[in-house]
Amino acid sequence: MEIVEECREFLEEIEKSINLDNLTEEEYEELEALNKWYKRVMERDLWGTPTKKEVESYLEKCKEALFSFVEKILEKK
């Protein structure tokens, strides 16, 4: 599913940002876009997507990665 691939790419970007110590608002906006995309897909899903749990798991991982990164930045201040 395409959204899973986008989540994987997001996690890779967060990892790069952690290594570079470079957080921008863009990461937050991208996570918001992924969540909105998922909600639109689920609104049209009449039969139940078999990968729903996988997508939800990836979205949660993305959220946790972003929040973890923000915490690391705040700890350094």
PDB file of N, CA and C in Angstrom:
ATOM      1  N   MET A   1       0.853  -1.183   0.000  1.00  0.00           N
ATOM      2  CA  MET A   1       0.000   0.000   0.000  1.00  0.00           C
ATOM      3  C   MET A   1       0.896   1.242   0.000  1.00  0.00           C
ATOM      4  N   GLU A   2       0.530   2.206  -0.788  1.00  0.00           N
ATOM      5  CA  GLU A   2       1.355   3.402  -0.978  1.00  0.00           C
ATOM      6  C   GLU A   2       1.587   4.178   0.319  1.00  0.00           C
ATOM      7  N   ILE A   3       0.585   4.259   1.164  1.00  0.00           N
ATOM      8  CA  ILE A   3       0.742   5.025   2.400  1.00  0.00           C
ATOM      9  C   ILE A   3       1.785   4.385   3.325  1.00  0.00           C
ATOM     10  N   VAL A   4       1.887   3.070   3.301  1.00  0.00           N
ATOM     11  CA  VAL A   4       2.912   2.387   4.103  1.00  0.00           C
ATOM     12  C   VAL A   4       4.297   2.791   3.611  1.00  0.00           C
ATOM     13  N   GLU A   5       4.479   2.848   2.302  1.00  0.00           N
ATOM     14  CA  GLU A   5       5.766   3.273   1.739  1.00  0.00           C
ATOM     15  C   GLU A   5       6.085   4.709   2.141  1.00  0.00           C
ATOM     16  N   GLU A   6       5.087   5.574   2.125  1.00  0.00           N
ATOM     17  CA  GLU A   6       5.295   6.961   2.543  1.00  0.00           C
ATOM     18  C   GLU A   6       5.685   7.029   4.019  1.00  0.00           C
ATOM     19  N   CYS A   7       5.083   6.191   4.842  1.00  0.00           N
ATOM     20  CA  CYS A   7       5.436   6.145   6.263  1.00  0.00           C
ATOM     21  C   CYS A   7       6.881   5.686   6.441  1.00  0.00           C
ATOM     22  N   ARG A   8       7.281   4.688   5.674  1.00  0.00           N
ATOM     23  CA  ARG A   8       8.663   4.215   5.747  1.00  0.00           C
ATOM     24  C   ARG A   8       9.638   5.331   5.374  1.00  0.00           C
ATOM     25  N   GLU A   9       9.302   6.075   4.326  1.00  0.00           N
ATOM     26  CA  GLU A   9      10.144   7.190   3.908  1.00  0.00           C
ATOM     27  C   GLU A   9      10.192   8.269   4.994  1.00  0.00           C
ATOM     28  N   PHE A  10       9.061   8.518   5.633  1.00  0.00           N
ATOM     29  CA  PHE A  10       9.014   9.498   6.721  1.00  0.00           C
ATOM     30  C   PHE A  10       9.946   9.071   7.852  1.00  0.00           C
ATOM     31  N   LEU A  11       9.896   7.791   8.205  1.00  0.00           N
ATOM     32  CA  LEU A  11      10.761   7.292   9.280  1.00  0.00           C
ATOM     33  C   LEU A  11      12.234   7.432   8.906  1.00  0.00           C
ATOM     34  N   GLU A  12      12.566   7.203   7.647  1.00  0.00           N
ATOM     35  CA  GLU A  12      13.946   7.392   7.189  1.00  0.00           C
ATOM     36  C   GLU A  12      14.353   8.857   7.288  1.00  0.00           C
ATOM     37  N   GLU A  13      13.448   9.757   6.912  1.00  0.00           N
ATOM     38  CA  GLU A  13      13.731  11.187   6.994  1.00  0.00           C
ATOM     39  C   GLU A  13      13.948  11.623   8.439  1.00  0.00           C
ATOM     40  N   ILE A  14      13.121  11.111   9.336  1.00  0.00           N
ATOM     41  CA  ILE A  14      13.278  11.452  10.752  1.00  0.00           C
ATOM     42  C   ILE A  14      14.633  10.967  11.253  1.00  0.00           C
ATOM     43  N   GLU A  15      15.019   9.769  10.864  1.00  0.00           N
ATOM     44  CA  GLU A  15      16.321   9.232  11.269  1.00  0.00           C
ATOM     45  C   GLU A  15      17.453  10.132  10.778  1.00  0.00           C
ATOM     46  N   LYS A  16      17.362  10.576   9.525  1.00  0.00           N
ATOM     47  CA  LYS A  16      18.372  11.493   8.978  1.00  0.00           C
ATOM     48  C   LYS A  16      18.375  12.804   9.756  1.00  0.00           C
ATOM     49  N   SER A  17      17.188  13.317  10.049  1.00  0.00           N
ATOM     50  CA  SER A  17      17.090  14.574  10.798  1.00  0.00           C
ATOM     51  C   SER A  17      17.680  14.436  12.194  1.00  0.00           C
ATOM     52  N   ILE A  18      17.473  13.277  12.813  1.00  0.00           N
ATOM     53  CA  ILE A  18      18.056  13.030  14.138  1.00  0.00           C
ATOM     54  C   ILE A  18      19.570  13.059  14.034  1.00  0.00           C
ATOM     55  N   ASN A  19      20.119  12.383  13.034  1.00  0.00           N
ATOM     56  CA  ASN A  19      21.572  12.340  12.867  1.00  0.00           C
ATOM     57  C   ASN A  19      22.152  13.711  12.554  1.00  0.00           C
ATOM     58  N   LEU A  20      21.384  14.534  11.841  1.00  0.00           N
ATOM     59  CA  LEU A  20      21.846  15.880  11.491  1.00  0.00           C
ATOM     60  C   LEU A  20      21.438  16.926  12.526  1.00  0.00           C
ATOM     61  N   ASP A  21      20.627  16.503  13.495  1.00  0.00           N
ATOM     62  CA  ASP A  21      20.121  17.418  14.522  1.00  0.00           C
ATOM     63  C   ASP A  21      19.362  18.574  13.876  1.00  0.00           C
ATOM     64  N   ASN A  22      18.485  18.233  12.939  1.00  0.00           N
ATOM     65  CA  ASN A  22      17.815  19.242  12.134  1.00  0.00           C
ATOM     66  C   ASN A  22      16.318  18.955  12.036  1.00  0.00           C
ATOM     67  N   LEU A  23      15.550  19.517  12.936  1.00  0.00           N
ATOM     68  CA  LEU A  23      14.098  19.367  12.898  1.00  0.00           C
ATOM     69  C   LEU A  23      13.489  20.631  12.326  1.00  0.00           C
ATOM     70  N   THR A  24      12.574  20.452  11.391  1.00  0.00           N
ATOM     71  CA  THR A  24      11.852  21.595  10.836  1.00  0.00           C
ATOM     72  C   THR A  24      10.358  21.342  10.977  1.00  0.00           C
ATOM     73  N   GLU A  25       9.597  22.378  10.734  1.00  0.00           N
ATOM     74  CA  GLU A  25       8.143  22.240  10.786  1.00  0.00           C
ATOM     75  C   GLU A  25       7.645  21.311   9.685  1.00  0.00           C
ATOM     76  N   GLU A  26       8.459  21.126   8.677  1.00  0.00           N
ATOM     77  CA  GLU A  26       8.094  20.277   7.548  1.00  0.00           C
ATOM     78  C   GLU A  26       7.797  18.837   7.991  1.00  0.00           C
ATOM     79  N   GLU A  27       8.557  18.326   8.950  1.00  0.00           N
ATOM     80  CA  GLU A  27       8.323  16.956   9.427  1.00  0.00           C
ATOM     81  C   GLU A  27       6.941  16.837  10.058  1.00  0.00           C
ATOM     82  N   TYR A  28       6.581  17.827  10.874  1.00  0.00           N
ATOM     83  CA  TYR A  28       5.265  17.804  11.505  1.00  0.00           C
ATOM     84  C   TYR A  28       4.166  17.879  10.443  1.00  0.00           C
ATOM     85  N   GLU A  29       4.355  18.780   9.478  1.00  0.00           N
ATOM     86  CA  GLU A  29       3.361  18.932   8.416  1.00  0.00           C
ATOM     87  C   GLU A  29       3.219  17.655   7.601  1.00  0.00           C
ATOM     88  N   GLU A  30       4.327  16.969   7.379  1.00  0.00           N
ATOM     89  CA  GLU A  30       4.269  15.718   6.619  1.00  0.00           C
ATOM     90  C   GLU A  30       3.500  14.652   7.392  1.00  0.00           C
ATOM     91  N   LEU A  31       3.717  14.585   8.696  1.00  0.00           N
ATOM     92  CA  LEU A  31       2.975  13.626   9.519  1.00  0.00           C
ATOM     93  C   LEU A  31       1.483  13.946   9.490  1.00  0.00           C
ATOM     94  N   GLU A  32       1.139  15.227   9.574  1.00  0.00           N
ATOM     95  CA  GLU A  32      -0.263  15.625   9.485  1.00  0.00           C
ATOM     96  C   GLU A  32      -0.860  15.216   8.138  1.00  0.00           C
ATOM     97  N   ALA A  33      -0.098  15.402   7.068  1.00  0.00           N
ATOM     98  CA  ALA A  33      -0.580  15.029   5.728  1.00  0.00           C
ATOM     99  C   ALA A  33      -0.816  13.523   5.631  1.00  0.00           C
ATOM    100  N   LEU A  34       0.082  12.733   6.215  1.00  0.00           N
ATOM    101  CA  LEU A  34      -0.091  11.278   6.199  1.00  0.00           C
ATOM    102  C   LEU A  34      -1.364  10.882   6.934  1.00  0.00           C
ATOM    103  N   ASN A  35      -1.615  11.498   8.079  1.00  0.00           N
ATOM    104  CA  ASN A  35      -2.819  11.191   8.848  1.00  0.00           C
ATOM    105  C   ASN A  35      -4.087  11.592   8.100  1.00  0.00           C
ATOM    106  N   LYS A  36      -4.072  12.747   7.455  1.00  0.00           N
ATOM    107  CA  LYS A  36      -5.243  13.186   6.688  1.00  0.00           C
ATOM    108  C   LYS A  36      -5.490  12.245   5.512  1.00  0.00           C
ATOM    109  N   TRP A  37      -4.421  11.839   4.853  1.00  0.00           N
ATOM    110  CA  TRP A  37      -4.527  10.919   3.725  1.00  0.00           C
ATOM    111  C   TRP A  37      -5.175   9.617   4.184  1.00  0.00           C
ATOM    112  N   TYR A  38      -4.683   9.095   5.305  1.00  0.00           N
ATOM    113  CA  TYR A  38      -5.221   7.843   5.844  1.00  0.00           C
ATOM    114  C   TYR A  38      -6.713   7.994   6.147  1.00  0.00           C
ATOM    115  N   LYS A  39      -7.106   9.099   6.752  1.00  0.00           N
ATOM    116  CA  LYS A  39      -8.521   9.308   7.088  1.00  0.00           C
ATOM    117  C   LYS A  39      -9.387   9.346   5.824  1.00  0.00           C
ATOM    118  N   ARG A  40      -8.878  10.009   4.768  1.00  0.00           N
ATOM    119  CA  ARG A  40      -9.633  10.057   3.502  1.00  0.00           C
ATOM    120  C   ARG A  40      -9.795   8.654   2.912  1.00  0.00           C
ATOM    121  N   VAL A  41      -8.739   7.870   2.973  1.00  0.00           N
ATOM    122  CA  VAL A  41      -8.795   6.501   2.448  1.00  0.00           C
ATOM    123  C   VAL A  41      -9.815   5.681   3.239  1.00  0.00           C
ATOM    124  N   MET A  42      -9.796   5.802   4.558  1.00  0.00           N
ATOM    125  CA  MET A  42     -10.701   5.021   5.396  1.00  0.00           C
ATOM    126  C   MET A  42     -12.156   5.447   5.211  1.00  0.00           C
ATOM    127  N   GLU A  43     -12.393   6.723   4.918  1.00  0.00           N
ATOM    128  CA  GLU A  43     -13.763   7.186   4.680  1.00  0.00           C
ATOM    129  C   GLU A  43     -14.368   6.539   3.442  1.00  0.00           C
ATOM    130  N   ARG A  44     -13.534   6.211   2.461  1.00  0.00           N
ATOM    131  CA  ARG A  44     -14.005   5.608   1.214  1.00  0.00           C
ATOM    132  C   ARG A  44     -13.916   4.084   1.227  1.00  0.00           C
ATOM    133  N   ASP A  45     -13.369   3.524   2.280  1.00  0.00           N
ATOM    134  CA  ASP A  45     -13.142   2.074   2.355  1.00  0.00           C
ATOM    135  C   ASP A  45     -14.412   1.379   2.848  1.00  0.00           C
ATOM    136  N   LEU A  46     -15.193   0.886   1.914  1.00  0.00           N
ATOM    137  CA  LEU A  46     -16.461   0.248   2.274  1.00  0.00           C
ATOM    138  C   LEU A  46     -16.300  -1.221   2.670  1.00  0.00           C
ATOM    139  N   TRP A  47     -15.225  -1.843   2.252  1.00  0.00           N
ATOM    140  CA  TRP A  47     -15.069  -3.282   2.445  1.00  0.00           C
ATOM    141  C   TRP A  47     -14.061  -3.650   3.519  1.00  0.00           C
ATOM    142  N   GLY A  48     -13.317  -2.696   4.013  1.00  0.00           N
ATOM    143  CA  GLY A  48     -12.316  -3.013   5.037  1.00  0.00           C
ATOM    144  C   GLY A  48     -10.977  -3.361   4.415  1.00  0.00           C
ATOM    145  N   THR A  49     -10.049  -2.476   4.537  1.00  0.00           N
ATOM    146  CA  THR A  49      -8.718  -2.690   3.969  1.00  0.00           C
ATOM    147  C   THR A  49      -7.970  -3.716   4.802  1.00  0.00           C
ATOM    148  N   PRO A  50      -7.441  -4.764   4.170  1.00  0.00           N
ATOM    149  CA  PRO A  50      -6.735  -5.792   4.941  1.00  0.00           C
ATOM    150  C   PRO A  50      -5.447  -5.274   5.584  1.00  0.00           C
ATOM    151  N   THR A  51      -4.908  -4.182   5.073  1.00  0.00           N
ATOM    152  CA  THR A  51      -3.663  -3.643   5.636  1.00  0.00           C
ATOM    153  C   THR A  51      -3.918  -2.502   6.622  1.00  0.00           C
ATOM    154  N   LYS A  52      -5.149  -2.329   7.047  1.00  0.00           N
ATOM    155  CA  LYS A  52      -5.502  -1.236   7.949  1.00  0.00           C
ATOM    156  C   LYS A  52      -4.635  -1.227   9.200  1.00  0.00           C
ATOM    157  N   LYS A  53      -4.480  -2.356   9.844  1.00  0.00           N
ATOM    158  CA  LYS A  53      -3.686  -2.421  11.070  1.00  0.00           C
ATOM    159  C   LYS A  53      -2.219  -2.097  10.810  1.00  0.00           C
ATOM    160  N   GLU A  54      -1.703  -2.528   9.663  1.00  0.00           N
ATOM    161  CA  GLU A  54      -0.320  -2.231   9.308  1.00  0.00           C
ATOM    162  C   GLU A  54      -0.132  -0.721   9.123  1.00  0.00           C
ATOM    163  N   VAL A  55      -1.061  -0.094   8.426  1.00  0.00           N
ATOM    164  CA  VAL A  55      -0.980   1.347   8.205  1.00  0.00           C
ATOM    165  C   VAL A  55      -1.070   2.086   9.527  1.00  0.00           C
ATOM    166  N   GLU A  56      -2.006   1.697  10.366  1.00  0.00           N
ATOM    167  CA  GLU A  56      -2.160   2.347  11.671  1.00  0.00           C
ATOM    168  C   GLU A  56      -0.891   2.182  12.512  1.00  0.00           C
ATOM    169  N   SER A  57      -0.277   1.027  12.437  1.00  0.00           N
ATOM    170  CA  SER A  57       0.962   0.783  13.161  1.00  0.00           C
ATOM    171  C   SER A  57       2.074   1.698  12.657  1.00  0.00           C
ATOM    172  N   TYR A  58       2.190   1.832  11.350  1.00  0.00           N
ATOM    173  CA  TYR A  58       3.217   2.717  10.779  1.00  0.00           C
ATOM    174  C   TYR A  58       2.961   4.171  11.145  1.00  0.00           C
ATOM    175  N   LEU A  59       1.719   4.611  11.098  1.00  0.00           N
ATOM    176  CA  LEU A  59       1.412   5.987  11.480  1.00  0.00           C
ATOM    177  C   LEU A  59       1.776   6.246  12.937  1.00  0.00           C
ATOM    178  N   GLU A  60       1.529   5.271  13.785  1.00  0.00           N
ATOM    179  CA  GLU A  60       1.900   5.409  15.201  1.00  0.00           C
ATOM    180  C   GLU A  60       3.423   5.476  15.351  1.00  0.00           C
ATOM    181  N   LYS A  61       4.140   4.649  14.603  1.00  0.00           N
ATOM    182  CA  LYS A  61       5.605   4.690  14.642  1.00  0.00           C
ATOM    183  C   LYS A  61       6.122   6.049  14.187  1.00  0.00           C
ATOM    184  N   CYS A  62       5.505   6.614  13.159  1.00  0.00           N
ATOM    185  CA  CYS A  62       5.901   7.933  12.667  1.00  0.00           C
ATOM    186  C   CYS A  62       5.691   8.991  13.749  1.00  0.00           C
ATOM    187  N   LYS A  63       4.538   8.935  14.388  1.00  0.00           N
ATOM    188  CA  LYS A  63       4.229   9.895  15.443  1.00  0.00           C
ATOM    189  C   LYS A  63       5.218   9.764  16.593  1.00  0.00           C
ATOM    190  N   GLU A  64       5.490   8.544  17.010  1.00  0.00           N
ATOM    191  CA  GLU A  64       6.434   8.320  18.106  1.00  0.00           C
ATOM    192  C   GLU A  64       7.836   8.796  17.743  1.00  0.00           C
ATOM    193  N   ALA A  65       8.258   8.553  16.508  1.00  0.00           N
ATOM    194  CA  ALA A  65       9.587   8.976  16.073  1.00  0.00           C
ATOM    195  C   ALA A  65       9.704  10.497  16.102  1.00  0.00           C
ATOM    196  N   LEU A  66       8.670  11.173  15.617  1.00  0.00           N
ATOM    197  CA  LEU A  66       8.694  12.629  15.604  1.00  0.00           C
ATOM    198  C   LEU A  66       8.706  13.183  17.026  1.00  0.00           C
ATOM    199  N   PHE A  67       7.862  12.667  17.894  1.00  0.00           N
ATOM    200  CA  PHE A  67       7.822  13.143  19.273  1.00  0.00           C
ATOM    201  C   PHE A  67       9.129  12.849  20.001  1.00  0.00           C
ATOM    202  N   SER A  68       9.713  11.709  19.743  1.00  0.00           N
ATOM    203  CA  SER A  68      11.002  11.369  20.347  1.00  0.00           C
ATOM    204  C   SER A  68      12.077  12.355  19.909  1.00  0.00           C
ATOM    205  N   PHE A  69      12.061  12.694  18.634  1.00  0.00           N
ATOM    206  CA  PHE A  69      13.029  13.641  18.106  1.00  0.00           C
ATOM    207  C   PHE A  69      12.849  15.013  18.767  1.00  0.00           C
ATOM    208  N   VAL A  70      11.613  15.458  18.901  1.00  0.00           N
ATOM    209  CA  VAL A  70      11.333  16.746  19.544  1.00  0.00           C
ATOM    210  C   VAL A  70      11.840  16.727  20.985  1.00  0.00           C
ATOM    211  N   GLU A  71      11.609  15.642  21.693  1.00  0.00           N
ATOM    212  CA  GLU A  71      12.088  15.524  23.076  1.00  0.00           C
ATOM    213  C   GLU A  71      13.603  15.636  23.146  1.00  0.00           C
ATOM    214  N   LYS A  72      14.306  15.008  22.229  1.00  0.00           N
ATOM    215  CA  LYS A  72      15.776  15.062  22.213  1.00  0.00           C
ATOM    216  C   LYS A  72      16.253  16.497  21.999  1.00  0.00           C
ATOM    217  N   ILE A  73      15.576  17.207  21.130  1.00  0.00           N
ATOM    218  CA  ILE A  73      15.957  18.605  20.884  1.00  0.00           C
ATOM    219  C   ILE A  73      15.701  19.446  22.132  1.00  0.00           C
ATOM    220  N   LEU A  74      14.574  19.240  22.766  1.00  0.00           N
ATOM    221  CA  LEU A  74      14.249  20.021  23.965  1.00  0.00           C
ATOM    222  C   LEU A  74      15.214  19.715  25.110  1.00  0.00           C
ATOM    223  N   GLU A  75      15.669  18.475  25.206  1.00  0.00           N
ATOM    224  CA  GLU A  75      16.627  18.111  26.255  1.00  0.00           C
ATOM    225  C   GLU A  75      17.954  18.832  26.077  1.00  0.00           C
ATOM    226  N   LYS A  76      18.319  19.126  24.837  1.00  0.00           N
ATOM    227  CA  LYS A  76      19.592  19.784  24.568  1.00  0.00           C
ATOM    228  C   LYS A  76      19.556  21.272  24.908  1.00  0.00           C
ATOM    229  N   LYS A  77      18.351  21.836  24.983  1.00  0.00           N
ATOM    230  CA  LYS A  77      18.236  23.278  25.258  1.00  0.00           C
ATOM    231  C   LYS A  77      18.380  23.585  26.713  1.00  0.00           C
TER     232      LYS A  77
END
